[in-house]
Amino acid sequence: MNTFSHVPPGFRFHPTDEELVDYYLRRKVTSRRIDFDVIKDVDLYKIEPWDLQELCRIGTEEQNDWYFFSHKDKKYPTGTRTNRATAAGFWKATGRDKAIYSKHDLIGMRKTLVFYKGRAPNGQKSDWIMHEYRLETDENGTPQEEGWVVCRVFKKRIASMHKVSEHDSPIWYDDQVSFMPGNRLAEAAEYELPLSLQFLQEGARFAVSNAS
């Protein structure tokens, strides 16, 4: 049985970026006790993202993100690139790292990665997203490529088209936005829809405006 299921009824784990870095990760790195130890250690290179749903489950409530600690390894012994490959695919960094502050002090950085099935450079992009947090005091310093990080994994929002009734025009909305915590809504906007879906979405909006 998953020992992490033994949490109070109704317990939900939604830490902020600052809390993940300044409390959980800092205590992990310095081997200090974490009062409510709900984040597991996971070997990211042996686990596929879809397996995290059960492995990193907290309690019995529905989860939309999964948290874990992982120890990063270099891809090459003499290099600086991190190995983020699994048996089924690999994690690829996207965008710029985001600075995490506590009051006015830089405490860490957040890297965003997307999971691709297969092998680089011909992998197939998936809906799995990971935020990888590291301790950092210099925003322009050399990124830490070894050591402990804390990660949050979730699935990218999926656009769905629904009709309110037989005579209404189709309306697009984002399935996952309806149940995302408030502080996750802004993050969801970082991940754009595929171009084909954007055209369909605009078409649906045009149809609705003409009908009215």
Protein backbone atom coordinates (compact mmCIF):
# COMPACT_ATOMS: atom_id res chain seq x y z
CA MET A 1 0.00 0.00 0.00
CA ASN A 2 1.13 3.51 -0.75
CA THR A 3 2.12 4.98 2.61
CA PHE A 4 1.52 8.44 1.22
CA SER A 5 -2.22 7.67 1.13
CA HIS A 6 -2.31 8.04 4.95
CA VAL A 7 -3.18 11.73 5.04
CA PRO A 8 -6.20 13.44 6.64
CA PRO A 9 -9.50 13.24 4.68
CA GLY A 10 -9.82 16.11 2.23
CA PHE A 11 -6.09 16.80 2.29
CA ARG A 12 -4.88 18.55 -0.87
CA PHE A 13 -1.28 19.43 -1.65
CA HIS A 14 -0.95 22.66 -3.63
CA PRO A 15 2.36 24.32 -2.61
CA THR A 16 3.49 27.53 -4.25
CA ASP A 17 6.77 27.77 -6.17
CA GLU A 18 8.31 29.59 -3.23
CA GLU A 19 7.22 26.88 -0.76
CA LEU A 20 8.54 24.09 -2.97
CA VAL A 21 11.97 25.69 -3.21
CA ASP A 22 12.46 27.46 0.12
CA TYR A 23 10.96 24.80 2.37
CA TYR A 24 10.80 21.36 0.73
CA LEU A 25 13.84 21.47 -1.55
CA ARG A 26 16.05 23.42 0.85
CA ARG A 27 15.34 20.96 3.66
CA LYS A 28 15.94 18.02 1.31
CA VAL A 29 19.32 19.34 0.20
CA THR A 30 20.42 20.08 3.78
CA SER A 31 19.03 16.75 5.13
CA ARG A 32 16.68 18.51 7.53
CA ARG A 33 13.36 17.05 8.68
CA ILE A 34 10.26 17.88 6.64
CA ASP A 35 7.27 18.16 8.98
CA PHE A 36 4.76 16.53 6.64
CA ASP A 37 6.76 14.29 4.33
CA VAL A 38 4.53 13.79 1.28
CA ILE A 39 7.08 14.13 -1.55
CA LYS A 40 8.73 10.89 -2.64
CA ASP A 41 12.21 10.32 -4.03
CA VAL A 42 11.91 9.17 -7.65
CA ASP A 43 14.53 8.04 -10.15
CA LEU A 44 13.31 10.11 -13.09
CA TYR A 45 15.34 8.05 -15.54
CA LYS A 46 13.52 4.80 -14.66
CA ILE A 47 9.96 6.16 -14.45
CA GLU A 48 7.63 7.21 -17.27
CA PRO A 49 5.41 10.25 -16.59
CA TRP A 50 2.19 8.20 -16.73
CA ASP A 51 3.51 5.95 -13.93
CA LEU A 52 3.85 8.92 -11.58
CA GLN A 53 0.06 9.12 -11.13
CA GLU A 54 0.08 6.07 -8.88
CA LEU A 55 3.63 6.28 -7.56
CA CYS A 56 3.26 9.88 -6.33
CA ARG A 57 -0.36 9.74 -5.24
CA ILE A 58 -1.15 11.70 -2.08
CA GLY A 59 -4.32 10.61 -0.30
CA THR A 60 -7.49 9.56 -2.09
CA GLU A 61 -8.56 12.89 -3.58
CA GLU A 62 -8.31 13.49 -7.34
CA GLN A 63 -4.89 14.83 -8.35
CA ASN A 64 -3.94 16.90 -11.35
CA ASP A 65 -0.24 17.33 -10.51
CA TRP A 66 2.32 14.98 -8.99
CA TYR A 67 5.37 15.98 -6.95
CA PHE A 68 8.68 14.22 -6.33
CA PHE A 69 12.36 14.77 -5.53
CA SER A 70 14.90 13.59 -8.08
CA HIS A 71 18.69 13.55 -8.20
CA LYS A 72 19.97 14.83 -11.53
CA ASP A 73 22.89 13.18 -13.33
CA LYS A 74 25.05 14.52 -16.13
CA LYS A 75 24.45 13.08 -19.59
CA TYR A 76 28.17 12.80 -20.17
CA PRO A 77 30.84 12.36 -17.45
CA THR A 78 32.89 15.29 -18.74
CA GLY A 79 29.99 17.46 -19.91
CA THR A 80 27.41 19.76 -18.35
CA ARG A 81 24.21 18.49 -20.00
CA THR A 82 21.74 16.62 -17.82
CA ASN A 83 20.50 13.16 -18.73
CA ARG A 84 16.69 13.23 -18.74
CA ALA A 85 16.03 10.13 -20.86
CA THR A 86 13.73 7.27 -19.82
CA ALA A 87 13.09 3.89 -21.44
CA ALA A 88 10.14 5.27 -23.45
CA GLY A 89 11.35 8.78 -24.26
CA PHE A 90 13.01 11.90 -22.92
CA TRP A 91 12.31 15.24 -21.25
CA LYS A 92 13.20 18.32 -23.31
CA ALA A 93 13.57 21.81 -21.87
CA THR A 94 11.44 24.57 -23.37
CA GLY A 95 11.40 28.35 -22.88
CA ARG A 96 13.46 30.34 -20.41
CA ASP A 97 13.96 29.40 -16.77
CA LYS A 98 11.78 31.38 -14.37
CA ALA A 99 13.28 33.01 -11.28
CA ILE A 100 11.68 32.16 -7.91
CA TYR A 101 11.84 34.84 -5.20
CA SER A 102 11.17 34.91 -1.47
CA LYS A 103 10.27 38.53 -0.77
CA HIS A 104 13.04 40.23 -2.78
CA ASP A 105 15.67 37.48 -2.62
CA LEU A 106 16.32 35.02 -5.42
CA ILE A 107 16.02 31.49 -3.97
CA GLY A 108 15.68 29.26 -7.02
CA MET A 109 14.87 28.74 -10.68
CA ARG A 110 12.09 26.83 -12.42
CA LYS A 111 12.79 24.97 -15.66
CA THR A 112 9.90 23.82 -17.86
CA LEU A 113 10.26 20.55 -19.76
CA VAL A 114 8.05 18.59 -22.17
CA PHE A 115 8.09 14.79 -22.48
CA TYR A 116 8.74 13.31 -25.92
CA LYS A 117 8.15 9.64 -26.73
CA GLY A 118 10.93 7.94 -28.70
CA ARG A 119 14.50 9.10 -29.15
CA ALA A 120 15.92 12.51 -30.02
CA PRO A 121 15.80 14.20 -32.42
CA ASN A 122 12.72 12.38 -33.75
CA GLY A 123 10.63 12.09 -30.60
CA GLN A 124 6.86 12.58 -30.56
CA LYS A 125 5.71 15.44 -28.33
CA SER A 126 3.29 14.45 -25.56
CA ASP A 127 0.92 16.33 -23.24
CA TRP A 128 3.15 15.75 -20.19
CA ILE A 129 4.77 18.85 -18.69
CA MET A 130 7.31 19.05 -15.88
CA HIS A 131 8.40 22.00 -13.76
CA GLU A 132 11.85 21.29 -12.33
CA TYR A 133 12.91 23.50 -9.40
CA ARG A 134 16.48 24.03 -8.25
CA LEU A 135 18.10 26.17 -5.58
CA GLU A 136 19.81 29.22 -7.06
CA THR A 137 21.15 32.55 -5.82
CA ASP A 138 22.41 33.93 -9.15
CA GLU A 139 19.89 34.25 -11.96
CA ASN A 140 22.69 34.58 -14.52
CA GLY A 141 24.88 31.86 -13.01
CA THR A 142 25.68 28.51 -14.59
CA PRO A 143 22.65 26.21 -14.18
CA GLN A 144 23.04 23.43 -11.65
CA GLU A 145 23.23 20.19 -13.64
CA GLU A 146 23.73 17.78 -10.75
CA GLY A 147 22.15 17.33 -7.35
CA TRP A 148 18.63 17.37 -5.89
CA VAL A 149 15.68 19.05 -7.55
CA VAL A 150 11.96 18.99 -6.75
CA CYS A 151 9.57 18.46 -9.64
CA ARG A 152 5.89 18.96 -10.43
CA VAL A 153 4.46 16.94 -13.33
CA PHE A 154 1.04 17.52 -14.91
CA LYS A 155 -0.76 17.02 -18.21
CA LYS A 156 -1.19 19.96 -20.56
CA ARG A 157 -4.71 21.31 -20.90
CA ILE A 158 -6.72 19.74 -23.71
CA ALA A 159 -9.17 21.75 -25.80
CA SER A 160 -12.58 20.17 -26.27
CA MET A 161 -15.55 21.21 -28.40
CA HIS A 162 -19.03 20.81 -26.95
CA LYS A 163 -22.55 21.77 -28.00
CA VAL A 164 -24.82 23.21 -25.36
CA SER A 165 -27.87 21.92 -27.27
CA GLU A 166 -28.86 20.57 -30.69
CA HIS A 167 -29.30 24.05 -32.17
CA ASP A 168 -26.31 25.79 -30.65
CA SER A 169 -22.98 26.35 -32.36
CA PRO A 170 -20.00 24.36 -30.99
CA ILE A 171 -18.10 26.09 -28.21
CA TRP A 172 -14.47 25.45 -27.39
CA TYR A 173 -13.23 25.39 -23.82
CA ASP A 174 -10.30 23.91 -21.94
CA ASP A 175 -11.21 20.78 -19.97
CA GLN A 176 -8.47 21.06 -17.40
CA VAL A 177 -8.92 24.78 -16.65
CA SER A 178 -12.24 24.05 -14.90
CA PHE A 179 -10.56 22.10 -12.12
CA MET A 180 -7.16 23.80 -11.93
CA PRO A 181 -6.32 25.63 -8.68
CA GLY A 182 -6.47 29.41 -9.04
CA ASN A 183 -2.69 29.89 -9.03
CA ARG A 184 -2.36 27.37 -11.90
CA LEU A 185 -4.61 29.21 -14.38
CA ALA A 186 -1.95 31.72 -15.39
CA GLU A 187 0.59 28.92 -15.85
CA ALA A 188 -1.76 27.08 -18.21
CA ALA A 189 -1.61 30.00 -20.64
CA GLU A 190 2.09 29.25 -21.23
CA TYR A 191 1.24 26.21 -23.34
CA GLU A 192 -0.36 27.15 -26.66
CA LEU A 193 -2.77 25.00 -28.63
CA PRO A 194 -1.53 23.37 -31.86
CA LEU A 195 -1.99 25.63 -34.88
CA SER A 196 -4.71 23.37 -36.35
CA LEU A 197 -6.75 23.64 -33.15
CA GLN A 198 -6.26 27.40 -33.07
CA PHE A 199 -7.86 27.68 -36.53
CA LEU A 200 -10.79 25.48 -35.47
CA GLN A 201 -11.19 27.50 -32.29
CA GLU A 202 -11.31 30.79 -34.19
CA GLY A 203 -13.83 29.25 -36.61
CA ALA A 204 -16.07 28.20 -33.75
CA ARG A 205 -15.93 31.68 -32.22
CA PHE A 206 -16.80 33.24 -35.61
CA ALA A 207 -19.81 30.93 -35.94
CA VAL A 208 -21.04 31.85 -32.46
CA SER A 209 -20.73 35.60 -33.13
CA ASN A 210 -22.66 35.28 -36.44
CA ALA A 211 -25.41 33.22 -34.78
CA SER A 212 -25.95 35.92 -32.18
